[in-house]
Amino acid sequence: MTQNLTYQRQCELYEYLCKFITEKRRKRFEEVISLRTRHITVILEDIYQSHNASAVLRTCDCFGIQDVHIIENRNPYKINPDIALGSTNWLSLHNYQEKENNSFDCLQNLKNKGYSIVATNPHKNDCLLEELDITHKTAIMFGTEKDGLSEIAIQQADAYVKIPMCGFTESFNISVSAAITMYSINEKLRKSDILWQLTQDEKIELLINWATNTISEGEKVVKQFLNAS
């Protein structure tokens, strides 16, 4: 509804929406937006346990990762609101559920946008998490709790990463794997000279979305502004 507005008009709309929220909330929005990134994104393939699915979203929000790409081949992606704690209000979720092979569709879409696809899966060519090259835009892909990533996801990956373990068990829980991976990459990214921040256009679009989601009948308030213009 607002994507066709000029940047200046979007700024004016945001200022209008801020009249309906507290100054404290506005300040928090603008603190968080400065730390958001699309240089790193997350792909979730067929995650079927709602507590894990929700925990990953919460972790993405906490580490400033804006986009999450959700592949639903066999399993619908269910969110547990008690675990997600409202994180879906602040993230951009992209669902892939309409094609015969949603994994291929998702990965090709991201590759076309310049992302390198990284599979969190043991492989003969894998590297340790701290060795992962994130110079270019990177999409980190996590698979199901039981079977891991699908064969096509593994084939389409550009790189493979593993988390070092010292115990007898073979793998971490998916939500734990995601948290460890995002923490490591987040630390590496923010200490680098990579231009990982959002563009001004991306920032204002998200600020409008966040403000709209916060305000009671936010869509109605946006329409009032547009109709008055």
C-alpha atoms as a PDB file:
ATOM      1  CA  MET A   1       0.000   0.000   0.000  1.00  0.00           C
ATOM      2  CA  THR A   2       2.898   2.394   0.707  1.00  0.00           C
ATOM      3  CA  GLN A   3       5.627   0.956  -1.548  1.00  0.00           C
ATOM      4  CA  ASN A   4       4.675   3.309  -4.407  1.00  0.00           C
ATOM      5  CA  LEU A   5       5.159   6.397  -2.276  1.00  0.00           C
ATOM      6  CA  THR A   6       8.300   8.459  -2.711  1.00  0.00           C
ATOM      7  CA  TYR A   7      10.878   8.282   0.057  1.00  0.00           C
ATOM      8  CA  GLN A   8       9.839  11.755   1.205  1.00  0.00           C
ATOM      9  CA  ARG A   9       6.165  10.757   1.426  1.00  0.00           C
ATOM     10  CA  GLN A  10       7.089   7.609   3.324  1.00  0.00           C
ATOM     11  CA  CYS A  11       8.988   9.752   5.830  1.00  0.00           C
ATOM     12  CA  GLU A  12       5.928  11.976   6.182  1.00  0.00           C
ATOM     13  CA  LEU A  13       3.730   8.917   6.731  1.00  0.00           C
ATOM     14  CA  TYR A  14       6.083   7.624   9.415  1.00  0.00           C
ATOM     15  CA  GLU A  15       5.991  10.987  11.181  1.00  0.00           C
ATOM     16  CA  TYR A  16       2.186  10.852  11.063  1.00  0.00           C
ATOM     17  CA  LEU A  17       2.124   7.322  12.521  1.00  0.00           C
ATOM     18  CA  CYS A  18       4.480   8.374  15.306  1.00  0.00           C
ATOM     19  CA  LYS A  19       1.742  10.654  16.616  1.00  0.00           C
ATOM     20  CA  PHE A  20      -0.074   7.495  17.701  1.00  0.00           C
ATOM     21  CA  ILE A  21       2.840   5.861  19.549  1.00  0.00           C
ATOM     22  CA  THR A  22       4.920   6.907  22.547  1.00  0.00           C
ATOM     23  CA  GLU A  23       8.251   8.677  22.164  1.00  0.00           C
ATOM     24  CA  LYS A  24       9.843   5.751  24.004  1.00  0.00           C
ATOM     25  CA  ARG A  25       8.488   3.296  21.426  1.00  0.00           C
ATOM     26  CA  ARG A  26       9.657   5.482  18.549  1.00  0.00           C
ATOM     27  CA  LYS A  27      13.142   5.728  20.033  1.00  0.00           C
ATOM     28  CA  ARG A  28      13.251   1.959  20.408  1.00  0.00           C
ATOM     29  CA  PHE A  29      12.195   1.464  16.762  1.00  0.00           C
ATOM     30  CA  GLU A  30      14.989   3.715  15.575  1.00  0.00           C
ATOM     31  CA  GLU A  31      17.590   2.025  17.795  1.00  0.00           C
ATOM     32  CA  VAL A  32      16.622  -1.423  16.524  1.00  0.00           C
ATOM     33  CA  ILE A  33      16.424  -0.434  12.836  1.00  0.00           C
ATOM     34  CA  SER A  34      20.031   0.775  12.954  1.00  0.00           C
ATOM     35  CA  LEU A  35      21.108  -2.763  13.899  1.00  0.00           C
ATOM     36  CA  ARG A  36      18.973  -4.672  11.392  1.00  0.00           C
ATOM     37  CA  THR A  37      20.583  -6.513   8.480  1.00  0.00           C
ATOM     38  CA  ARG A  38      19.694  -8.312   5.282  1.00  0.00           C
ATOM     39  CA  HIS A  39      23.312  -9.207   4.554  1.00  0.00           C
ATOM     40  CA  ILE A  40      22.591 -12.411   6.482  1.00  0.00           C
ATOM     41  CA  THR A  41      19.292 -14.222   6.101  1.00  0.00           C
ATOM     42  CA  VAL A  42      17.935 -17.535   7.395  1.00  0.00           C
ATOM     43  CA  ILE A  43      16.241 -20.381   5.526  1.00  0.00           C
ATOM     44  CA  LEU A  44      14.148 -22.948   7.399  1.00  0.00           C
ATOM     45  CA  GLU A  45      13.259 -26.108   5.472  1.00  0.00           C
ATOM     46  CA  ASP A  46      10.325 -28.192   6.707  1.00  0.00           C
ATOM     47  CA  ILE A  47      10.663 -27.386  10.413  1.00  0.00           C
ATOM     48  CA  TYR A  48       7.666 -29.146  11.957  1.00  0.00           C
ATOM     49  CA  GLN A  49       8.014 -28.716  15.736  1.00  0.00           C
ATOM     50  CA  SER A  50       6.329 -25.439  16.607  1.00  0.00           C
ATOM     51  CA  HIS A  51       8.497 -24.723  19.651  1.00  0.00           C
ATOM     52  CA  ASN A  52      11.664 -24.989  17.542  1.00  0.00           C
ATOM     53  CA  ALA A  53      10.148 -23.004  14.677  1.00  0.00           C
ATOM     54  CA  SER A  54       9.146 -20.243  17.071  1.00  0.00           C
ATOM     55  CA  ALA A  55      12.448 -20.219  18.944  1.00  0.00           C
ATOM     56  CA  VAL A  56      14.366 -19.659  15.703  1.00  0.00           C
ATOM     57  CA  LEU A  57      12.214 -16.632  14.847  1.00  0.00           C
ATOM     58  CA  ARG A  58      12.817 -15.171  18.283  1.00  0.00           C
ATOM     59  CA  THR A  59      16.570 -15.699  17.859  1.00  0.00           C
ATOM     60  CA  CYS A  60      16.559 -14.020  14.433  1.00  0.00           C
ATOM     61  CA  ASP A  61      14.865 -10.966  15.904  1.00  0.00           C
ATOM     62  CA  CYS A  62      17.299 -10.844  18.822  1.00  0.00           C
ATOM     63  CA  PHE A  63      20.310 -10.908  16.476  1.00  0.00           C
ATOM     64  CA  GLY A  64      18.888  -8.341  14.052  1.00  0.00           C
ATOM     65  CA  ILE A  65      18.316 -10.683  11.108  1.00  0.00           C
ATOM     66  CA  GLN A  66      15.329  -9.223   9.289  1.00  0.00           C
ATOM     67  CA  ASP A  67      14.359 -11.878   6.727  1.00  0.00           C
ATOM     68  CA  VAL A  68      13.417 -15.490   7.343  1.00  0.00           C
ATOM     69  CA  HIS A  69      12.590 -17.752   4.394  1.00  0.00           C
ATOM     70  CA  ILE A  70      10.262 -20.609   5.315  1.00  0.00           C
ATOM     71  CA  ILE A  71      10.055 -23.682   3.077  1.00  0.00           C
ATOM     72  CA  GLU A  72       6.991 -25.881   3.551  1.00  0.00           C
ATOM     73  CA  ASN A  73       7.289 -29.022   1.425  1.00  0.00           C
ATOM     74  CA  ARG A  74       5.731 -31.598   3.730  1.00  0.00           C
ATOM     75  CA  ASN A  75       5.324 -29.815   7.034  1.00  0.00           C
ATOM     76  CA  PRO A  76       3.306 -26.643   7.678  1.00  0.00           C
ATOM     77  CA  TYR A  77       5.263 -24.064   9.645  1.00  0.00           C
ATOM     78  CA  LYS A  78       3.478 -23.560  12.962  1.00  0.00           C
ATOM     79  CA  ILE A  79       4.313 -20.767  15.370  1.00  0.00           C
ATOM     80  CA  ASN A  80       3.885 -21.012  19.138  1.00  0.00           C
ATOM     81  CA  PRO A  81       3.092 -17.456  20.316  1.00  0.00           C
ATOM     82  CA  ASP A  82       4.286 -18.233  23.866  1.00  0.00           C
ATOM     83  CA  ILE A  83       7.779 -18.915  22.510  1.00  0.00           C
ATOM     84  CA  ALA A  84       7.924 -16.507  19.564  1.00  0.00           C
ATOM     85  CA  LEU A  85       6.920 -13.673  21.947  1.00  0.00           C
ATOM     86  CA  GLY A  86       5.704 -11.375  19.187  1.00  0.00           C
ATOM     87  CA  SER A  87       8.867 -11.635  17.069  1.00  0.00           C
ATOM     88  CA  THR A  88       6.739 -12.152  13.946  1.00  0.00           C
ATOM     89  CA  ASN A  89       5.594  -8.522  14.268  1.00  0.00           C
ATOM     90  CA  TRP A  90       9.134  -7.317  13.566  1.00  0.00           C
ATOM     91  CA  LEU A  91      10.466  -9.854  11.050  1.00  0.00           C
ATOM     92  CA  SER A  92       9.875 -10.205   7.315  1.00  0.00           C
ATOM     93  CA  LEU A  93       8.680 -13.780   6.758  1.00  0.00           C
ATOM     94  CA  HIS A  94       8.785 -15.245   3.231  1.00  0.00           C
ATOM     95  CA  ASN A  95       6.807 -18.477   2.802  1.00  0.00           C
ATOM     96  CA  TYR A  96       7.378 -21.015   0.024  1.00  0.00           C
ATOM     97  CA  GLN A  97       4.483 -23.439  -0.105  1.00  0.00           C
ATOM     98  CA  GLU A  98       2.894 -23.326  -3.553  1.00  0.00           C
ATOM     99  CA  LYS A  99       5.401 -25.044  -5.864  1.00  0.00           C
ATOM    100  CA  GLU A 100       6.091 -28.717  -6.474  1.00  0.00           C
ATOM    101  CA  ASN A 101       9.576 -28.171  -5.100  1.00  0.00           C
ATOM    102  CA  ASN A 102       9.531 -25.223  -2.747  1.00  0.00           C
ATOM    103  CA  SER A 103      13.157 -25.718  -1.728  1.00  0.00           C
ATOM    104  CA  PHE A 104      14.427 -25.190  -5.262  1.00  0.00           C
ATOM    105  CA  ASP A 105      12.144 -22.169  -5.681  1.00  0.00           C
ATOM    106  CA  CYS A 106      13.416 -20.555  -2.486  1.00  0.00           C
ATOM    107  CA  LEU A 107      17.096 -21.189  -3.159  1.00  0.00           C
ATOM    108  CA  GLN A 108      16.942 -19.957  -6.737  1.00  0.00           C
ATOM    109  CA  ASN A 109      15.126 -16.830  -5.598  1.00  0.00           C
ATOM    110  CA  LEU A 110      17.872 -16.046  -3.106  1.00  0.00           C
ATOM    111  CA  LYS A 111      20.672 -16.871  -5.530  1.00  0.00           C
ATOM    112  CA  ASN A 112      19.112 -14.490  -8.041  1.00  0.00           C
ATOM    113  CA  LYS A 113      19.331 -11.804  -5.343  1.00  0.00           C
ATOM    114  CA  GLY A 114      23.040 -12.454  -4.879  1.00  0.00           C
ATOM    115  CA  TYR A 115      22.996 -14.690  -1.820  1.00  0.00           C
ATOM    116  CA  SER A 116      25.442 -17.509  -1.227  1.00  0.00           C
ATOM    117  CA  ILE A 117      23.578 -20.526   0.185  1.00  0.00           C
ATOM    118  CA  VAL A 118      25.209 -22.157   3.216  1.00  0.00           C
ATOM    119  CA  ALA A 119      23.976 -25.539   4.435  1.00  0.00           C
ATOM    120  CA  THR A 120      24.327 -26.393   8.110  1.00  0.00           C
ATOM    121  CA  ASN A 121      25.014 -30.001   7.239  1.00  0.00           C
ATOM    122  CA  PRO A 122      28.061 -32.297   7.511  1.00  0.00           C
ATOM    123  CA  HIS A 123      29.796 -32.546   4.139  1.00  0.00           C
ATOM    124  CA  LYS A 124      33.202 -33.513   2.784  1.00  0.00           C
ATOM    125  CA  ASN A 125      33.760 -29.859   1.855  1.00  0.00           C
ATOM    126  CA  ASP A 126      32.441 -28.316   5.074  1.00  0.00           C
ATOM    127  CA  CYS A 127      34.192 -25.722   7.218  1.00  0.00           C
ATOM    128  CA  LEU A 128      33.966 -24.735  10.849  1.00  0.00           C
ATOM    129  CA  LEU A 129      31.546 -21.974  11.758  1.00  0.00           C
ATOM    130  CA  GLU A 130      34.304 -19.484  12.570  1.00  0.00           C
ATOM    131  CA  GLU A 131      35.906 -20.119   9.158  1.00  0.00           C
ATOM    132  CA  LEU A 132      32.780 -19.276   7.150  1.00  0.00           C
ATOM    133  CA  ASP A 133      33.259 -16.510   4.590  1.00  0.00           C
ATOM    134  CA  ILE A 134      30.456 -13.954   4.931  1.00  0.00           C
ATOM    135  CA  THR A 135      31.978 -11.293   2.693  1.00  0.00           C
ATOM    136  CA  HIS A 136      29.061 -11.680   0.281  1.00  0.00           C
ATOM    137  CA  LYS A 137      25.370 -11.832   1.185  1.00  0.00           C
ATOM    138  CA  THR A 138      24.796 -15.145   2.939  1.00  0.00           C
ATOM    139  CA  ALA A 139      21.719 -17.316   3.514  1.00  0.00           C
ATOM    140  CA  ILE A 140      22.110 -19.882   6.306  1.00  0.00           C
ATOM    141  CA  MET A 141      19.933 -22.955   5.785  1.00  0.00           C
ATOM    142  CA  PHE A 142      18.604 -25.222   8.543  1.00  0.00           C
ATOM    143  CA  GLY A 143      16.738 -28.496   8.019  1.00  0.00           C
ATOM    144  CA  THR A 144      14.274 -30.697   9.855  1.00  0.00           C
ATOM    145  CA  GLU A 145      14.875 -31.920  13.374  1.00  0.00           C
ATOM    146  CA  LYS A 146      14.901 -35.570  12.321  1.00  0.00           C
ATOM    147  CA  ASP A 147      16.310 -35.773   8.790  1.00  0.00           C
ATOM    148  CA  GLY A 148      18.230 -32.552   8.300  1.00  0.00           C
ATOM    149  CA  LEU A 149      18.229 -30.831   4.921  1.00  0.00           C
ATOM    150  CA  SER A 150      16.726 -32.384   1.799  1.00  0.00           C
ATOM    151  CA  GLU A 151      18.982 -33.748  -0.922  1.00  0.00           C
ATOM    152  CA  ILE A 152      18.092 -30.937  -3.301  1.00  0.00           C
ATOM    153  CA  ALA A 153      18.916 -28.344  -0.635  1.00  0.00           C
ATOM    154  CA  ILE A 154      22.318 -29.943  -0.091  1.00  0.00           C
ATOM    155  CA  GLN A 155      22.969 -30.081  -3.841  1.00  0.00           C
ATOM    156  CA  GLN A 156      22.033 -26.431  -4.299  1.00  0.00           C
ATOM    157  CA  ALA A 157      24.232 -25.186  -1.440  1.00  0.00           C
ATOM    158  CA  ASP A 158      27.321 -23.134  -2.245  1.00  0.00           C
ATOM    159  CA  ALA A 159      29.054 -23.929   1.047  1.00  0.00           C
ATOM    160  CA  TYR A 160      28.683 -26.187   4.073  1.00  0.00           C
ATOM    161  CA  VAL A 161      29.306 -25.371   7.704  1.00  0.00           C
ATOM    162  CA  LYS A 162      29.508 -27.429  10.886  1.00  0.00           C
ATOM    163  CA  ILE A 163      29.417 -26.570  14.561  1.00  0.00           C
ATOM    164  CA  PRO A 164      32.248 -28.291  16.496  1.00  0.00           C
ATOM    165  CA  MET A 165      31.014 -30.675  19.199  1.00  0.00           C
ATOM    166  CA  CYS A 166      32.850 -32.469  21.985  1.00  0.00           C
ATOM    167  CA  GLY A 167      30.244 -34.981  23.196  1.00  0.00           C
ATOM    168  CA  PHE A 168      28.720 -38.283  22.088  1.00  0.00           C
ATOM    169  CA  THR A 169      25.498 -36.954  20.596  1.00  0.00           C
ATOM    170  CA  GLU A 170      25.579 -36.346  16.851  1.00  0.00           C
ATOM    171  CA  SER A 171      23.887 -32.980  16.591  1.00  0.00           C
ATOM    172  CA  PHE A 172      22.381 -30.009  18.385  1.00  0.00           C
ATOM    173  CA  ASN A 173      18.676 -29.306  18.553  1.00  0.00           C
ATOM    174  CA  ILE A 174      17.661 -27.138  15.548  1.00  0.00           C
ATOM    175  CA  SER A 175      16.879 -24.078  17.665  1.00  0.00           C
ATOM    176  CA  VAL A 176      20.195 -24.418  19.517  1.00  0.00           C
ATOM    177  CA  SER A 177      22.078 -24.829  16.214  1.00  0.00           C
ATOM    178  CA  ALA A 178      20.430 -21.703  14.865  1.00  0.00           C
ATOM    179  CA  ALA A 179      21.245 -19.706  18.001  1.00  0.00           C
ATOM    180  CA  ILE A 180      24.915 -20.744  18.018  1.00  0.00           C
ATOM    181  CA  THR A 181      25.262 -20.080  14.296  1.00  0.00           C
ATOM    182  CA  MET A 182      23.606 -16.674  14.397  1.00  0.00           C
ATOM    183  CA  TYR A 183      25.593 -15.582  17.443  1.00  0.00           C
ATOM    184  CA  SER A 184      28.882 -16.491  15.764  1.00  0.00           C
ATOM    185  CA  ILE A 185      28.009 -14.876  12.447  1.00  0.00           C
ATOM    186  CA  ASN A 186      26.527 -11.801  14.106  1.00  0.00           C
ATOM    187  CA  GLU A 187      29.731 -11.207  16.078  1.00  0.00           C
ATOM    188  CA  LYS A 188      31.867 -11.674  12.974  1.00  0.00           C
ATOM    189  CA  LEU A 189      29.667  -9.445  10.825  1.00  0.00           C
ATOM    190  CA  ARG A 190      29.531  -6.487  13.211  1.00  0.00           C
ATOM    191  CA  LYS A 191      33.287  -6.512  13.777  1.00  0.00           C
ATOM    192  CA  SER A 192      33.936  -6.462  10.025  1.00  0.00           C
ATOM    193  CA  ASP A 193      34.057  -3.592   7.546  1.00  0.00           C
ATOM    194  CA  ILE A 194      31.210  -5.152   5.531  1.00  0.00           C
ATOM    195  CA  LEU A 195      28.364  -2.757   4.698  1.00  0.00           C
ATOM    196  CA  TRP A 196      25.722  -4.889   6.393  1.00  0.00           C
ATOM    197  CA  GLN A 197      23.201  -2.201   7.381  1.00  0.00           C
ATOM    198  CA  LEU A 198      19.855  -1.645   5.673  1.00  0.00           C
ATOM    199  CA  THR A 199      19.456   1.068   3.052  1.00  0.00           C
ATOM    200  CA  GLN A 200      17.469   4.198   3.912  1.00  0.00           C
ATOM    201  CA  ASP A 201      14.598   2.950   1.727  1.00  0.00           C
ATOM    202  CA  GLU A 202      14.554  -0.385   3.549  1.00  0.00           C
ATOM    203  CA  LYS A 203      14.636   1.325   6.927  1.00  0.00           C
ATOM    204  CA  ILE A 204      11.691   3.633   6.310  1.00  0.00           C
ATOM    205  CA  GLU A 205       9.583   0.799   4.874  1.00  0.00           C
ATOM    206  CA  LEU A 206      10.173  -1.308   7.982  1.00  0.00           C
ATOM    207  CA  LEU A 207       9.604   1.599  10.364  1.00  0.00           C
ATOM    208  CA  ILE A 208       6.215   2.180   8.741  1.00  0.00           C
ATOM    209  CA  ASN A 209       5.360  -1.515   9.066  1.00  0.00           C
ATOM    210  CA  TRP A 210       6.421  -1.651  12.710  1.00  0.00           C
ATOM    211  CA  ALA A 211       4.476   1.486  13.612  1.00  0.00           C
ATOM    212  CA  THR A 212       1.399   0.233  11.735  1.00  0.00           C
ATOM    213  CA  ASN A 213       1.551  -3.124  13.553  1.00  0.00           C
ATOM    214  CA  THR A 214       1.820  -1.347  16.898  1.00  0.00           C
ATOM    215  CA  ILE A 215      -1.098   1.051  16.484  1.00  0.00           C
ATOM    216  CA  SER A 216      -4.649  -0.111  17.089  1.00  0.00           C
ATOM    217  CA  GLU A 217      -6.298  -0.291  13.641  1.00  0.00           C
ATOM    218  CA  GLY A 218      -2.985   0.753  12.124  1.00  0.00           C
ATOM    219  CA  GLU A 219      -4.048   0.044   8.540  1.00  0.00           C
ATOM    220  CA  LYS A 220      -6.993   2.389   9.010  1.00  0.00           C
ATOM    221  CA  VAL A 221      -4.654   5.121  10.237  1.00  0.00           C
ATOM    222  CA  VAL A 222      -2.445   4.655   7.158  1.00  0.00           C
ATOM    223  CA  LYS A 223      -5.488   4.950   4.901  1.00  0.00           C
ATOM    224  CA  GLN A 224      -6.513   8.153   6.652  1.00  0.00           C
ATOM    225  CA  PHE A 225      -3.123   9.656   5.858  1.00  0.00           C
ATOM    226  CA  LEU A 226      -3.229   8.523   2.227  1.00  0.00           C
ATOM    227  CA  ASN A 227      -6.796   9.766   1.704  1.00  0.00           C
ATOM    228  CA  ALA A 228      -5.939  13.135   3.188  1.00  0.00           C
ATOM    229  CA  SER A 229      -2.945  13.558   0.866  1.00  0.00           C
END
